[in-house]
Amino acid sequence: MATRITGGTLTVTITESLTMAHNTSADNRTHSQTITKTFASVDNLEKRLLNLPNTNQVEIAALGGTAAAGLGVYKRSSVVYIRITNLDDTNGVAVILEDSGADTAAILVDADSTLMLTDTQIEAFTDGSAFSGWSDIDQIFLKAANANTQVEVVIATTE
């Protein structure tokens, strides 16, 4: 069977725009910035919409050192982009990044907000220690903060 789809370049663009009004309109202040990041040779893109229950945490990705073995399992070195968007208009979602050896970090993604990752490394301390080096993220979990929540997950890899 011949392959019909070849890898491509993923382009992610973030635009910030702010206008701060002043009593004299000529003195209004504006800030605008666009940042574009490209990821070459992306040949696997997984996009999932989840109805996340307000119960236990749900595993959305397992990252390992070898080829992907199934749905939601990725070769760590080939992951180039992860986007987690909270589609709820009221409730937050905890994104839990876990290194099975020791490190776990949780980040709250507010309603109508997005968390983007472009690497699969983590380091976390609870005792105020100085940074000592990166560890691999082995698993990513989501947990609704207050109520059932809808979430969109996009993961792009080069394999």
C-alpha atoms as a PDB file:
ATOM      1  CA  MET A   1       0.000   0.000   0.000  1.00  0.00           C
ATOM      2  CA  ALA A   2       1.428   3.375  -0.985  1.00  0.00           C
ATOM      3  CA  THR A   3       1.522   6.254   1.462  1.00  0.00           C
ATOM      4  CA  ARG A   4      -0.628   9.155   0.319  1.00  0.00           C
ATOM      5  CA  ILE A   5       0.039  11.658   3.096  1.00  0.00           C
ATOM      6  CA  THR A   6       3.463  13.060   3.815  1.00  0.00           C
ATOM      7  CA  GLY A   7       4.597  15.155   6.780  1.00  0.00           C
ATOM      8  CA  GLY A   8       4.125  18.896   6.779  1.00  0.00           C
ATOM      9  CA  THR A   9       4.927  22.013   8.733  1.00  0.00           C
ATOM     10  CA  LEU A  10       2.685  22.977  11.650  1.00  0.00           C
ATOM     11  CA  THR A  11       2.471  26.744  12.115  1.00  0.00           C
ATOM     12  CA  VAL A  12       1.243  28.162  15.425  1.00  0.00           C
ATOM     13  CA  THR A  13       0.524  31.880  15.689  1.00  0.00           C
ATOM     14  CA  ILE A  14      -0.184  33.822  18.879  1.00  0.00           C
ATOM     15  CA  THR A  15      -1.465  37.386  18.589  1.00  0.00           C
ATOM     16  CA  GLU A  16      -1.665  39.805  21.507  1.00  0.00           C
ATOM     17  CA  SER A  17      -3.557  43.061  21.170  1.00  0.00           C
ATOM     18  CA  LEU A  18      -4.280  45.584  23.909  1.00  0.00           C
ATOM     19  CA  THR A  19      -5.606  49.133  23.804  1.00  0.00           C
ATOM     20  CA  MET A  20      -5.650  51.142  27.013  1.00  0.00           C
ATOM     21  CA  ALA A  21      -7.894  54.183  26.886  1.00  0.00           C
ATOM     22  CA  HIS A  22      -6.847  57.579  28.196  1.00  0.00           C
ATOM     23  CA  ASN A  23      -9.059  60.593  28.916  1.00  0.00           C
ATOM     24  CA  THR A  24      -7.474  62.193  25.863  1.00  0.00           C
ATOM     25  CA  SER A  25      -7.877  59.729  23.005  1.00  0.00           C
ATOM     26  CA  ALA A  26      -4.640  60.922  21.407  1.00  0.00           C
ATOM     27  CA  ASP A  27      -2.873  59.517  24.485  1.00  0.00           C
ATOM     28  CA  ASN A  28      -4.355  56.021  24.211  1.00  0.00           C
ATOM     29  CA  ARG A  29      -1.756  53.267  24.549  1.00  0.00           C
ATOM     30  CA  THR A  30      -1.656  50.162  22.385  1.00  0.00           C
ATOM     31  CA  HIS A  31       0.317  46.956  22.433  1.00  0.00           C
ATOM     32  CA  SER A  32       0.238  44.460  19.593  1.00  0.00           C
ATOM     33  CA  GLN A  33       2.521  41.519  19.006  1.00  0.00           C
ATOM     34  CA  THR A  34       2.367  38.388  16.881  1.00  0.00           C
ATOM     35  CA  ILE A  35       4.604  35.405  17.563  1.00  0.00           C
ATOM     36  CA  THR A  36       4.831  32.565  15.055  1.00  0.00           C
ATOM     37  CA  LYS A  37       6.456  29.195  15.699  1.00  0.00           C
ATOM     38  CA  THR A  38       6.797  26.455  13.105  1.00  0.00           C
ATOM     39  CA  PHE A  39       7.320  22.740  13.629  1.00  0.00           C
ATOM     40  CA  ALA A  40       8.775  20.907  10.624  1.00  0.00           C
ATOM     41  CA  SER A  41       8.147  17.306   9.527  1.00  0.00           C
ATOM     42  CA  VAL A  42       4.946  16.777  11.514  1.00  0.00           C
ATOM     43  CA  ASP A  43       3.408  13.543  10.276  1.00  0.00           C
ATOM     44  CA  ASN A  44       1.100  12.664  13.155  1.00  0.00           C
ATOM     45  CA  LEU A  45      -1.517  14.969  14.632  1.00  0.00           C
ATOM     46  CA  GLU A  46      -4.023  13.790  17.183  1.00  0.00           C
ATOM     47  CA  LYS A  47      -6.937  16.050  18.081  1.00  0.00           C
ATOM     48  CA  ARG A  48      -9.420  14.983  20.740  1.00  0.00           C
ATOM     49  CA  LEU A  49     -12.448  16.591  22.347  1.00  0.00           C
ATOM     50  CA  LEU A  50     -13.058  15.235  25.839  1.00  0.00           C
ATOM     51  CA  ASN A  51     -15.995  15.517  28.170  1.00  0.00           C
ATOM     52  CA  LEU A  52     -13.897  15.494  31.321  1.00  0.00           C
ATOM     53  CA  PRO A  53     -15.802  14.224  34.382  1.00  0.00           C
ATOM     54  CA  ASN A  54     -15.501  15.991  37.722  1.00  0.00           C
ATOM     55  CA  THR A  55     -14.113  12.888  39.396  1.00  0.00           C
ATOM     56  CA  ASN A  56     -10.629  11.389  39.168  1.00  0.00           C
ATOM     57  CA  GLN A  57      -7.849  12.547  36.904  1.00  0.00           C
ATOM     58  CA  VAL A  58      -7.873  11.180  33.355  1.00  0.00           C
ATOM     59  CA  GLU A  59      -4.700  10.175  31.520  1.00  0.00           C
ATOM     60  CA  ILE A  60      -4.526  11.829  28.095  1.00  0.00           C
ATOM     61  CA  ALA A  61      -0.976  10.933  27.058  1.00  0.00           C
ATOM     62  CA  ALA A  62       1.779   8.472  27.911  1.00  0.00           C
ATOM     63  CA  LEU A  63       5.256   9.366  26.696  1.00  0.00           C
ATOM     64  CA  GLY A  64       7.922   6.727  26.267  1.00  0.00           C
ATOM     65  CA  GLY A  65      11.280   6.146  24.678  1.00  0.00           C
ATOM     66  CA  THR A  66      10.089   3.843  21.914  1.00  0.00           C
ATOM     67  CA  ALA A  67       7.618   4.032  19.055  1.00  0.00           C
ATOM     68  CA  ALA A  68       3.984   4.773  19.822  1.00  0.00           C
ATOM     69  CA  ALA A  69       2.202   1.571  20.807  1.00  0.00           C
ATOM     70  CA  GLY A  70      -1.411   2.725  20.768  1.00  0.00           C
ATOM     71  CA  LEU A  71      -3.876   5.584  21.050  1.00  0.00           C
ATOM     72  CA  GLY A  72      -2.613   8.226  23.456  1.00  0.00           C
ATOM     73  CA  VAL A  73       0.905   6.732  23.561  1.00  0.00           C
ATOM     74  CA  TYR A  74       3.732   8.751  22.005  1.00  0.00           C
ATOM     75  CA  LYS A  75       7.458   8.453  21.488  1.00  0.00           C
ATOM     76  CA  ARG A  76       8.731  11.243  23.755  1.00  0.00           C
ATOM     77  CA  SER A  77      11.488  12.447  21.407  1.00  0.00           C
ATOM     78  CA  SER A  78       9.035  12.896  18.526  1.00  0.00           C
ATOM     79  CA  VAL A  79       6.514  15.083  20.420  1.00  0.00           C
ATOM     80  CA  VAL A  80       6.910  18.691  19.245  1.00  0.00           C
ATOM     81  CA  TYR A  81       3.650  20.381  20.260  1.00  0.00           C
ATOM     82  CA  ILE A  82       0.904  19.850  22.828  1.00  0.00           C
ATOM     83  CA  ARG A  83      -2.095  22.161  23.195  1.00  0.00           C
ATOM     84  CA  ILE A  84      -4.710  21.761  25.894  1.00  0.00           C
ATOM     85  CA  THR A  85      -7.665  24.141  25.594  1.00  0.00           C
ATOM     86  CA  ASN A  86     -10.317  24.424  28.271  1.00  0.00           C
ATOM     87  CA  LEU A  87     -13.595  24.911  26.384  1.00  0.00           C
ATOM     88  CA  ASP A  88     -15.640  25.520  29.541  1.00  0.00           C
ATOM     89  CA  ASP A  89     -16.809  29.091  30.152  1.00  0.00           C
ATOM     90  CA  THR A  90     -16.756  28.835  33.963  1.00  0.00           C
ATOM     91  CA  ASN A  91     -14.605  26.036  35.392  1.00  0.00           C
ATOM     92  CA  GLY A  92     -10.871  25.387  35.389  1.00  0.00           C
ATOM     93  CA  VAL A  93      -8.956  22.244  34.469  1.00  0.00           C
ATOM     94  CA  ALA A  94      -5.796  20.956  36.137  1.00  0.00           C
ATOM     95  CA  VAL A  95      -3.100  19.744  33.751  1.00  0.00           C
ATOM     96  CA  ILE A  96      -0.895  17.302  35.649  1.00  0.00           C
ATOM     97  CA  LEU A  97       2.567  16.564  34.248  1.00  0.00           C
ATOM     98  CA  GLU A  98       4.160  13.535  35.853  1.00  0.00           C
ATOM     99  CA  ASP A  99       7.628  12.036  35.802  1.00  0.00           C
ATOM    100  CA  SER A 100       7.055   8.558  37.209  1.00  0.00           C
ATOM    101  CA  GLY A 101      10.438   8.806  38.975  1.00  0.00           C
ATOM    102  CA  ALA A 102       9.586  11.721  41.242  1.00  0.00           C
ATOM    103  CA  ASP A 103       8.452  15.009  39.731  1.00  0.00           C
ATOM    104  CA  THR A 104       4.835  16.074  39.364  1.00  0.00           C
ATOM    105  CA  ALA A 105       3.580  19.533  38.484  1.00  0.00           C
ATOM    106  CA  ALA A 106      -0.015  20.691  38.148  1.00  0.00           C
ATOM    107  CA  ILE A 107      -1.039  23.795  36.231  1.00  0.00           C
ATOM    108  CA  LEU A 108      -4.536  25.266  36.385  1.00  0.00           C
ATOM    109  CA  VAL A 109      -5.926  26.203  32.975  1.00  0.00           C
ATOM    110  CA  ASP A 110      -8.695  28.720  33.556  1.00  0.00           C
ATOM    111  CA  ALA A 111     -12.010  28.719  31.677  1.00  0.00           C
ATOM    112  CA  ASP A 112     -11.684  29.623  27.972  1.00  0.00           C
ATOM    113  CA  SER A 113      -7.879  29.352  28.202  1.00  0.00           C
ATOM    114  CA  THR A 114      -5.073  27.308  26.660  1.00  0.00           C
ATOM    115  CA  LEU A 115      -1.828  25.713  27.780  1.00  0.00           C
ATOM    116  CA  MET A 116       0.795  24.978  25.121  1.00  0.00           C
ATOM    117  CA  LEU A 117       3.870  22.791  25.565  1.00  0.00           C
ATOM    118  CA  THR A 118       6.692  22.523  23.051  1.00  0.00           C
ATOM    119  CA  ASP A 119       8.902  20.166  25.054  1.00  0.00           C
ATOM    120  CA  THR A 120       8.509  17.070  27.226  1.00  0.00           C
ATOM    121  CA  GLN A 121      10.726  17.989  30.176  1.00  0.00           C
ATOM    122  CA  ILE A 122       9.753  18.826  33.754  1.00  0.00           C
ATOM    123  CA  GLU A 123      11.349  19.731  37.041  1.00  0.00           C
ATOM    124  CA  ALA A 124       9.449  20.351  40.263  1.00  0.00           C
ATOM    125  CA  PHE A 125      10.365  20.998  43.896  1.00  0.00           C
ATOM    126  CA  THR A 126       8.290  21.354  47.033  1.00  0.00           C
ATOM    127  CA  ASP A 127      11.152  22.287  49.354  1.00  0.00           C
ATOM    128  CA  GLY A 128      12.582  25.379  47.641  1.00  0.00           C
ATOM    129  CA  SER A 129      15.599  23.503  46.296  1.00  0.00           C
ATOM    130  CA  ALA A 130      17.674  24.977  43.498  1.00  0.00           C
ATOM    131  CA  PHE A 131      17.176  23.747  39.947  1.00  0.00           C
ATOM    132  CA  SER A 132      19.208  20.601  39.362  1.00  0.00           C
ATOM    133  CA  GLY A 133      18.190  19.296  35.924  1.00  0.00           C
ATOM    134  CA  TRP A 134      15.335  18.196  33.724  1.00  0.00           C
ATOM    135  CA  SER A 135      13.360  14.979  33.956  1.00  0.00           C
ATOM    136  CA  ASP A 136      11.188  13.406  31.273  1.00  0.00           C
ATOM    137  CA  ILE A 137       7.421  13.790  31.424  1.00  0.00           C
ATOM    138  CA  ASP A 138       6.055  10.238  31.393  1.00  0.00           C
ATOM    139  CA  GLN A 139       2.319  10.924  31.645  1.00  0.00           C
ATOM    140  CA  ILE A 140      -0.099  13.814  31.233  1.00  0.00           C
ATOM    141  CA  PHE A 141      -3.376  13.823  33.139  1.00  0.00           C
ATOM    142  CA  LEU A 142      -6.350  16.192  33.251  1.00  0.00           C
ATOM    143  CA  LYS A 143      -8.710  16.781  36.163  1.00  0.00           C
ATOM    144  CA  ALA A 144     -11.740  19.030  36.148  1.00  0.00           C
ATOM    145  CA  ALA A 145     -11.376  21.579  38.939  1.00  0.00           C
ATOM    146  CA  ASN A 146     -15.032  22.048  39.904  1.00  0.00           C
ATOM    147  CA  ALA A 147     -17.504  20.490  37.466  1.00  0.00           C
ATOM    148  CA  ASN A 148     -17.657  18.386  34.309  1.00  0.00           C
ATOM    149  CA  THR A 149     -15.649  20.246  31.687  1.00  0.00           C
ATOM    150  CA  GLN A 150     -15.031  20.013  27.950  1.00  0.00           C
ATOM    151  CA  VAL A 151     -11.408  20.063  26.833  1.00  0.00           C
ATOM    152  CA  GLU A 152      -9.656  19.966  23.459  1.00  0.00           C
ATOM    153  CA  VAL A 153      -6.270  18.242  23.227  1.00  0.00           C
ATOM    154  CA  VAL A 154      -3.918  18.479  20.223  1.00  0.00           C
ATOM    155  CA  ILE A 155      -0.643  16.550  20.092  1.00  0.00           C
ATOM    156  CA  ALA A 156       1.722  16.780  17.116  1.00  0.00           C
ATOM    157  CA  THR A 157       4.674  14.446  16.565  1.00  0.00           C
ATOM    158  CA  THR A 158       7.320  13.890  13.931  1.00  0.00           C
ATOM    159  CA  GLU A 159       6.836  10.082  13.948  1.00  0.00           C
END
